[in-house]
Amino acid sequence: MAAARRPNLFPVLVLALVANGAWARQAEDVHDVDAPRVADAADGHGIVRGMTISCQTWGWEWGSGGFSDELARLGDLGVNWIAIHPYASIHADGSVGQMREALDPDAPPVWLTRPRQATTERNIALLIKPHLAYWGSPFRWRGEIAFEDDDARARFWRDYGDWIVKLARATSSADAFCVGTELNGMQADEAEWRKLIARVRGVTDAQLTYAANWDRFEDVPFWDALDAVGVQAYFPLATGDAPTAGELLEGWGPVLERLRALHVVTGKPIVFTELGYSASPRAASRPWEDPDAGVTLDHVLQRRCLTTALDVLARESEWLRGAFLWKWFVGGSRPRPGSFLLDEPELHDVIRRAWH
């Protein structure tokens, strides 16, 4: 798709609106079904109503015929953006490798080309959001990836940079591209990030972001080089059991103040590159976790957390431009019970009410 047709994912809006928009919503009207929603008034793709289509392998599902079928179902929910997350491996010595076959950006595999074709046919925008697969490495999650050894650190930036640039070339017709996800331990390497961002801009016209973890989004020194602030929005909202919608909304208050302050400082709109809740009883206090094995699942709390978050997004959409929900699969694939799967009738209703 030509760059001129790309949706404006990250419009920069008048900061005066933000400065005067202090958090003053009342908890009791958070579920007023008759209240007008800012998101409904937006046209095109400016408000991100996104869904991440995930995989349970290295990503071949994105190249299957079922991918287009899922877009039809998601369109019925009001989804107007899709994200996929291609993987590369990470090793203790800093090397980054392909999960499957070597990536030829001049002849991309079908699992990278079909998503662009299918989303274009349905007027849905596409975000490419690379993930480093840490399993099998000494790192317990992406935020731990870091290297004290200078050679390992240099090797990481060489390999990671080459992979990201090849992926950006292979998906250059995508509407947006994320240069990294949750790399807390590497965020301080400002010069390397700026070099990488410049290289990516040289091979794609996609709008660029970085997916900062919820507890480190204020520590990113290169937001000015990107088009938007991306945040993995697993914010703890409450500490007690079974919080009410009002308590969840109260928990969002200080989070939104921090996010709004960063928006004012950077002049960049903010997008939640991930937002989701499992059916864990601790979904409000530790929303990044799957439920423990054998625990009694709390689907009511899961729905309440998601409903409140989508209401918050609608009300703050002048600067908080939307979210990519986590997550969806192709062809009815299902992770373990109570996980982040959104393909459930009750959650369909929550999403459809907010977005359609």
Protein backbone atom coordinates (compact mmCIF):
# COMPACT_ATOMS: atom_id res chain seq x y z
CA MET A 1 0.00 0.00 0.00
CA ALA A 2 1.41 3.38 -0.93
CA ALA A 3 2.59 5.57 1.89
CA ALA A 4 0.12 8.32 1.00
CA ARG A 5 -2.78 6.00 1.81
CA ARG A 6 -1.50 4.98 5.20
CA PRO A 7 -3.81 5.83 8.08
CA ASN A 8 -2.65 8.48 10.48
CA LEU A 9 -2.05 6.24 13.46
CA PHE A 10 -0.21 8.82 15.47
CA PRO A 11 -1.64 12.32 14.88
CA VAL A 12 -0.21 14.96 17.19
CA LEU A 13 -3.07 16.96 18.67
CA VAL A 14 -3.35 20.35 20.33
CA LEU A 15 -1.55 20.16 23.65
CA ALA A 16 -3.83 22.75 25.25
CA LEU A 17 -6.63 20.20 25.16
CA VAL A 18 -4.45 17.84 27.13
CA ALA A 19 -3.20 20.35 29.63
CA ASN A 20 -6.76 21.24 30.61
CA GLY A 21 -8.03 17.67 30.57
CA ALA A 22 -7.32 16.70 34.18
CA TRP A 23 -8.74 13.40 35.37
CA ALA A 24 -12.21 14.33 36.62
CA ARG A 25 -14.50 11.57 35.35
CA GLN A 26 -16.86 10.08 37.89
CA ALA A 27 -16.73 6.35 38.50
CA GLU A 28 -20.48 5.95 38.54
CA ASP A 29 -20.93 6.88 34.87
CA VAL A 30 -18.19 4.63 33.50
CA HIS A 31 -20.70 2.10 32.16
CA ASP A 32 -23.34 4.52 30.85
CA VAL A 33 -24.26 2.75 27.62
CA ASP A 34 -25.98 5.85 26.24
CA ALA A 35 -23.00 8.15 26.72
CA PRO A 36 -21.40 9.26 23.41
CA ARG A 37 -17.97 7.81 22.82
CA VAL A 38 -15.15 9.88 21.38
CA ALA A 39 -13.90 6.83 19.49
CA ASP A 40 -17.17 6.53 17.60
CA ALA A 41 -16.76 10.02 16.19
CA ALA A 42 -13.36 9.32 14.65
CA ASP A 43 -13.07 8.38 11.00
CA GLY A 44 -10.58 6.13 9.23
CA HIS A 45 -7.92 4.55 11.42
CA GLY A 46 -6.96 7.53 13.58
CA ILE A 47 -8.38 5.86 16.67
CA VAL A 48 -6.69 2.49 17.09
CA ARG A 49 -9.14 -0.33 17.75
CA GLY A 50 -6.50 -2.98 17.40
CA MET A 51 -6.16 -6.70 17.97
CA THR A 52 -2.97 -8.75 18.10
CA ILE A 53 -3.31 -11.98 16.16
CA SER A 54 -0.82 -14.18 17.96
CA CYS A 55 0.55 -17.64 17.25
CA GLN A 56 1.45 -20.78 19.14
CA THR A 57 4.40 -21.54 16.86
CA TRP A 58 6.91 -19.30 15.11
CA GLY A 59 4.15 -17.62 13.05
CA TRP A 60 3.14 -19.86 10.15
CA GLU A 61 -0.50 -19.25 11.15
CA TRP A 62 -0.31 -15.72 9.72
CA GLY A 63 0.25 -17.22 6.29
CA SER A 64 -2.68 -19.64 6.47
CA GLY A 65 -6.03 -19.22 4.79
CA GLY A 66 -7.66 -18.92 8.19
CA PHE A 67 -6.01 -15.56 8.79
CA SER A 68 -8.47 -13.81 6.46
CA ASP A 69 -11.38 -15.57 8.16
CA GLU A 70 -10.34 -14.11 11.49
CA LEU A 71 -10.25 -10.61 10.00
CA ALA A 72 -13.91 -10.97 9.01
CA ARG A 73 -14.82 -11.93 12.58
CA LEU A 74 -12.73 -9.14 14.07
CA GLY A 75 -14.22 -6.58 11.71
CA ASP A 76 -17.61 -7.45 13.17
CA LEU A 77 -16.24 -6.40 16.56
CA GLY A 78 -15.13 -3.02 15.24
CA VAL A 79 -11.43 -3.83 14.93
CA ASN A 80 -9.64 -1.53 12.47
CA TRP A 81 -5.98 -2.41 13.18
CA ILE A 82 -4.20 -5.77 13.38
CA ALA A 83 -0.79 -6.48 14.90
CA ILE A 84 1.41 -9.51 14.30
CA HIS A 85 4.63 -10.20 16.20
CA PRO A 86 7.38 -11.99 14.22
CA TYR A 87 9.96 -13.73 16.38
CA ALA A 88 13.73 -13.96 16.51
CA SER A 89 15.74 -15.90 19.08
CA ILE A 90 18.05 -14.35 21.66
CA HIS A 91 21.10 -16.05 23.20
CA ALA A 92 23.38 -15.48 26.18
CA ASP A 93 26.24 -14.30 23.95
CA GLY A 94 24.08 -11.52 22.48
CA SER A 95 23.47 -13.22 19.16
CA VAL A 96 20.02 -12.91 17.58
CA GLY A 97 18.87 -15.57 15.15
CA GLN A 98 15.93 -16.46 12.94
CA MET A 99 13.27 -18.70 14.43
CA ARG A 100 12.68 -20.60 11.19
CA GLU A 101 14.49 -19.77 7.97
CA ALA A 102 16.76 -16.90 6.99
CA LEU A 103 14.65 -13.87 6.12
CA ASP A 104 15.07 -12.62 2.56
CA PRO A 105 13.51 -9.14 2.49
CA ASP A 106 13.34 -9.24 -1.32
CA ALA A 107 11.28 -12.45 -1.26
CA PRO A 108 9.36 -12.41 2.03
CA PRO A 109 7.65 -15.61 3.19
CA VAL A 110 3.89 -15.94 2.94
CA TRP A 111 3.43 -15.55 6.70
CA LEU A 112 4.62 -11.96 6.26
CA THR A 113 2.96 -11.17 2.94
CA ARG A 114 -0.52 -12.59 3.57
CA PRO A 115 -1.27 -10.29 6.53
CA ARG A 116 -0.64 -7.23 4.37
CA GLN A 117 -2.75 -8.57 1.51
CA ALA A 118 -5.60 -9.63 3.79
CA THR A 119 -5.71 -6.43 5.83
CA THR A 120 -5.62 -4.26 2.70
CA GLU A 121 -8.58 -6.13 1.24
CA ARG A 122 -10.61 -5.37 4.36
CA ASN A 123 -9.43 -1.79 4.91
CA ILE A 124 -7.69 -2.78 8.12
CA ALA A 125 -4.33 -1.29 9.04
CA LEU A 126 -1.31 -3.40 9.99
CA LEU A 127 1.32 -3.06 12.72
CA ILE A 128 4.47 -5.21 12.70
CA LYS A 129 5.65 -5.67 16.29
CA PRO A 130 8.80 -7.83 16.55
CA HIS A 131 9.36 -9.96 19.65
CA LEU A 132 12.55 -11.60 20.88
CA ALA A 133 11.80 -15.19 21.91
CA TYR A 134 13.62 -15.52 25.24
CA TRP A 135 12.63 -19.13 26.01
CA GLY A 136 15.65 -21.40 25.98
CA SER A 137 17.89 -18.46 26.92
CA PRO A 138 19.08 -17.40 30.39
CA PHE A 139 16.58 -14.53 30.33
CA ARG A 140 13.21 -15.05 32.05
CA TRP A 141 11.52 -12.40 29.93
CA ARG A 142 12.44 -9.71 27.41
CA GLY A 143 12.94 -7.08 30.08
CA GLU A 144 15.93 -9.02 31.46
CA ILE A 145 17.86 -9.03 28.18
CA ALA A 146 21.10 -7.19 28.94
CA PHE A 147 24.84 -7.79 28.53
CA GLU A 148 27.70 -6.72 30.77
CA ASP A 149 30.25 -8.07 28.31
CA ASP A 150 31.08 -5.45 25.68
CA ASP A 151 31.48 -8.03 22.92
CA ALA A 152 28.09 -9.56 23.67
CA ARG A 153 26.46 -6.13 23.72
CA ALA A 154 28.05 -5.21 20.40
CA ARG A 155 26.99 -8.56 18.96
CA PHE A 156 23.42 -7.93 20.08
CA TRP A 157 23.21 -4.56 18.38
CA ARG A 158 24.74 -5.93 15.19
CA ASP A 159 22.42 -8.94 14.98
CA TYR A 160 19.30 -7.29 16.34
CA GLY A 161 19.75 -4.30 14.08
CA ASP A 162 20.21 -6.48 11.00
CA TRP A 163 17.08 -8.50 11.85
CA ILE A 164 14.92 -5.45 12.49
CA VAL A 165 16.01 -3.74 9.28
CA LYS A 166 15.44 -6.89 7.21
CA LEU A 167 12.01 -7.30 8.76
CA ALA A 168 11.15 -3.65 8.11
CA ARG A 169 12.18 -4.08 4.47
CA ALA A 170 10.20 -7.29 4.11
CA THR A 171 7.09 -5.60 5.55
CA SER A 172 7.66 -2.12 4.15
CA SER A 173 4.05 -1.77 3.04
CA ALA A 174 2.81 -2.11 6.65
CA ASP A 175 1.20 0.94 8.16
CA ALA A 176 3.23 0.95 11.37
CA PHE A 177 6.35 -0.77 12.66
CA CYS A 178 7.63 -1.27 16.21
CA VAL A 179 11.42 -1.16 16.59
CA GLY A 180 11.46 -3.13 19.85
CA THR A 181 9.33 -4.66 22.58
CA GLU A 182 9.94 -4.53 26.36
CA LEU A 183 13.72 -4.30 26.08
CA ASN A 184 14.19 -2.65 29.49
CA GLY A 185 17.80 -3.72 29.81
CA MET A 186 18.80 -2.18 26.49
CA GLN A 187 16.79 1.05 26.57
CA ALA A 188 19.69 3.12 27.91
CA ASP A 189 21.75 2.52 24.74
CA GLU A 190 20.38 5.70 23.21
CA ALA A 191 22.93 6.07 20.42
CA GLU A 192 22.30 2.51 19.19
CA TRP A 193 18.55 3.03 19.17
CA ARG A 194 18.86 6.24 17.21
CA LYS A 195 21.08 4.53 14.64
CA LEU A 196 18.58 1.68 14.33
CA ILE A 197 15.58 4.01 13.98
CA ALA A 198 17.38 5.93 11.22
CA ARG A 199 18.13 2.66 9.40
CA VAL A 200 14.51 1.56 9.65
CA ARG A 201 13.28 4.89 8.29
CA GLY A 202 15.56 4.29 5.33
CA VAL A 203 13.69 1.14 4.27
CA THR A 204 10.03 1.84 5.15
CA ASP A 205 7.58 4.73 5.28
CA ALA A 206 5.64 3.02 8.08
CA GLN A 207 5.03 5.05 11.20
CA LEU A 208 7.36 3.98 14.00
CA THR A 209 6.97 3.27 17.68
CA TYR A 210 8.62 1.31 20.49
CA ALA A 211 6.67 -0.89 22.95
CA ALA A 212 7.90 0.12 26.41
CA ASN A 213 6.93 -1.94 29.41
CA TRP A 214 4.32 -0.39 31.71
CA ASP A 215 6.90 0.32 34.44
CA ARG A 216 9.61 1.78 32.18
CA PHE A 217 7.85 3.96 29.61
CA GLU A 218 9.16 7.15 31.25
CA ASP A 219 12.78 5.94 30.93
CA VAL A 220 12.97 5.80 27.12
CA PRO A 221 15.46 8.45 25.91
CA PHE A 222 14.59 8.28 22.21
CA TRP A 223 10.84 8.98 22.06
CA ASP A 224 11.55 12.11 20.03
CA ALA A 225 12.90 9.95 17.17
CA LEU A 226 9.62 8.02 16.87
CA ASP A 227 6.08 8.84 15.81
CA ALA A 228 4.35 7.68 18.98
CA VAL A 229 4.89 6.48 22.50
CA GLY A 230 4.00 2.78 22.67
CA VAL A 231 3.20 1.21 26.04
CA GLN A 232 2.58 -2.38 27.13
CA ALA A 233 -0.36 -1.45 29.35
CA TYR A 234 -0.30 -4.07 32.12
CA PHE A 235 -0.72 -1.49 34.87
CA PRO A 236 -1.68 -2.71 38.36
CA LEU A 237 -4.99 -1.01 39.15
CA ALA A 238 -6.12 -2.41 42.51
CA THR A 239 -4.77 -4.55 45.33
CA GLY A 240 -7.90 -6.07 46.84
CA ASP A 241 -10.00 -8.98 45.62
CA ALA A 242 -12.83 -8.38 43.15
CA PRO A 243 -12.44 -4.59 42.74
CA THR A 244 -15.47 -2.71 41.48
CA ALA A 245 -15.55 -0.74 38.25
CA GLY A 246 -15.22 2.43 40.30
CA GLU A 247 -12.13 1.13 42.07
CA LEU A 248 -10.58 0.13 38.75
CA LEU A 249 -11.32 3.57 37.33
CA GLU A 250 -9.72 5.15 40.39
CA GLY A 251 -6.65 3.00 39.75
CA TRP A 252 -6.44 4.33 36.21
CA GLY A 253 -6.30 7.93 37.52
CA PRO A 254 -2.60 8.17 38.47
CA VAL A 255 -1.63 6.01 35.49
CA LEU A 256 -3.31 8.43 33.11
CA GLU A 257 -1.67 11.41 34.79
CA ARG A 258 1.77 9.87 34.17
CA LEU A 259 0.93 9.01 30.58
CA ARG A 260 -0.57 12.43 29.92
CA ALA A 261 2.51 14.13 31.37
CA LEU A 262 4.76 12.17 29.02
CA HIS A 263 2.53 13.09 26.09
CA VAL A 264 2.85 16.77 26.96
CA VAL A 265 6.64 16.55 27.34
CA THR A 266 7.24 14.59 24.13
CA GLY A 267 4.44 16.01 21.99
CA LYS A 268 3.74 12.43 20.92
CA PRO A 269 0.41 10.62 21.06
CA ILE A 270 0.32 7.42 23.08
CA VAL A 271 -0.84 3.99 21.90
CA PHE A 272 -1.16 0.89 24.05
CA THR A 273 0.82 -1.65 22.04
CA GLU A 274 -0.66 -4.33 24.31
CA LEU A 275 -3.69 -4.28 26.57
CA GLY A 276 -5.31 -7.38 27.99
CA TYR A 277 -6.41 -9.32 31.04
CA SER A 278 -6.46 -12.99 31.87
CA ALA A 279 -9.18 -14.63 33.95
CA SER A 280 -6.85 -14.68 36.94
CA PRO A 281 -8.28 -13.56 40.31
CA ARG A 282 -5.29 -11.19 40.32
CA ALA A 283 -6.07 -9.65 36.93
CA ALA A 284 -6.37 -6.18 38.46
CA SER A 285 -3.27 -6.38 40.67
CA ARG A 286 -0.93 -8.41 38.42
CA PRO A 287 -2.45 -8.13 34.94
CA TRP A 288 0.63 -9.45 33.15
CA GLU A 289 0.17 -12.93 34.63
CA ASP A 290 -1.67 -16.01 33.50
CA PRO A 291 -3.78 -17.60 36.27
CA ASP A 292 -2.03 -20.13 38.46
CA ALA A 293 -2.76 -23.78 37.68
CA GLY A 294 -5.80 -25.04 39.53
CA VAL A 295 -6.99 -21.60 40.66
CA THR A 296 -10.68 -20.73 40.33
CA LEU A 297 -10.96 -18.50 37.28
CA ASP A 298 -12.61 -15.09 37.56
CA HIS A 299 -14.18 -14.27 34.20
CA VAL A 300 -16.31 -11.54 35.76
CA LEU A 301 -13.21 -9.63 36.87
CA GLN A 302 -11.62 -10.16 33.45
CA ARG A 303 -14.65 -8.59 31.73
CA ARG A 304 -14.80 -5.75 34.26
CA CYS A 305 -11.12 -4.90 33.76
CA LEU A 306 -11.45 -4.91 29.97
CA THR A 307 -14.69 -2.91 30.00
CA THR A 308 -13.20 -0.22 32.22
CA ALA A 309 -10.02 0.01 30.16
CA LEU A 310 -11.96 0.45 26.91
CA ASP A 311 -14.10 3.15 28.51
CA VAL A 312 -10.94 4.95 29.63
CA LEU A 313 -9.54 4.78 26.10
CA ALA A 314 -12.70 6.28 24.64
CA ARG A 315 -12.75 9.14 27.10
CA GLU A 316 -9.06 10.04 26.68
CA SER A 317 -8.78 9.55 22.91
CA GLU A 318 -7.65 13.13 22.22
CA TRP A 319 -4.15 11.98 23.17
CA LEU A 320 -4.42 8.29 24.08
CA ARG A 321 -5.05 7.02 20.56
CA GLY A 322 -6.16 3.48 21.31
CA ALA A 323 -4.86 -0.02 21.94
CA PHE A 324 -3.92 -3.36 20.46
CA LEU A 325 -5.75 -5.95 22.55
CA TRP A 326 -3.89 -9.09 23.60
CA LYS A 327 -4.81 -11.54 22.10
CA TRP A 328 -6.48 -13.58 19.31
CA PHE A 329 -5.56 -16.74 17.40
CA VAL A 330 -6.17 -18.17 13.96
CA GLY A 331 -8.61 -21.03 13.51
CA GLY A 332 -9.83 -21.40 17.06
CA SER A 333 -6.44 -22.24 18.57
CA ARG A 334 -6.69 -21.94 22.32
CA PRO A 335 -4.00 -21.40 24.96
CA ARG A 336 -4.45 -22.79 28.43
CA PRO A 337 -7.75 -22.07 30.19
CA GLY A 338 -8.11 -18.62 31.66
CA SER A 339 -5.29 -17.13 29.62
CA PHE A 340 -5.52 -13.91 27.63
CA LEU A 341 -7.69 -15.34 24.86
CA LEU A 342 -10.34 -12.79 23.80
CA ASP A 343 -12.23 -15.13 21.50
CA GLU A 344 -15.01 -15.75 23.99
CA PRO A 345 -18.67 -14.67 23.50
CA GLU A 346 -18.80 -12.57 26.68
CA LEU A 347 -15.61 -10.72 25.70
CA HIS A 348 -16.91 -10.27 22.15
CA ASP A 349 -19.80 -8.34 23.68
CA VAL A 350 -17.45 -6.10 25.66
CA ILE A 351 -15.34 -5.27 22.60
CA ARG A 352 -18.30 -4.82 20.25
CA ARG A 353 -20.07 -2.48 22.65
CA ALA A 354 -16.96 -0.29 22.92
CA TRP A 355 -15.80 -0.38 19.30
CA HIS A 356 -18.71 -1.10 16.99
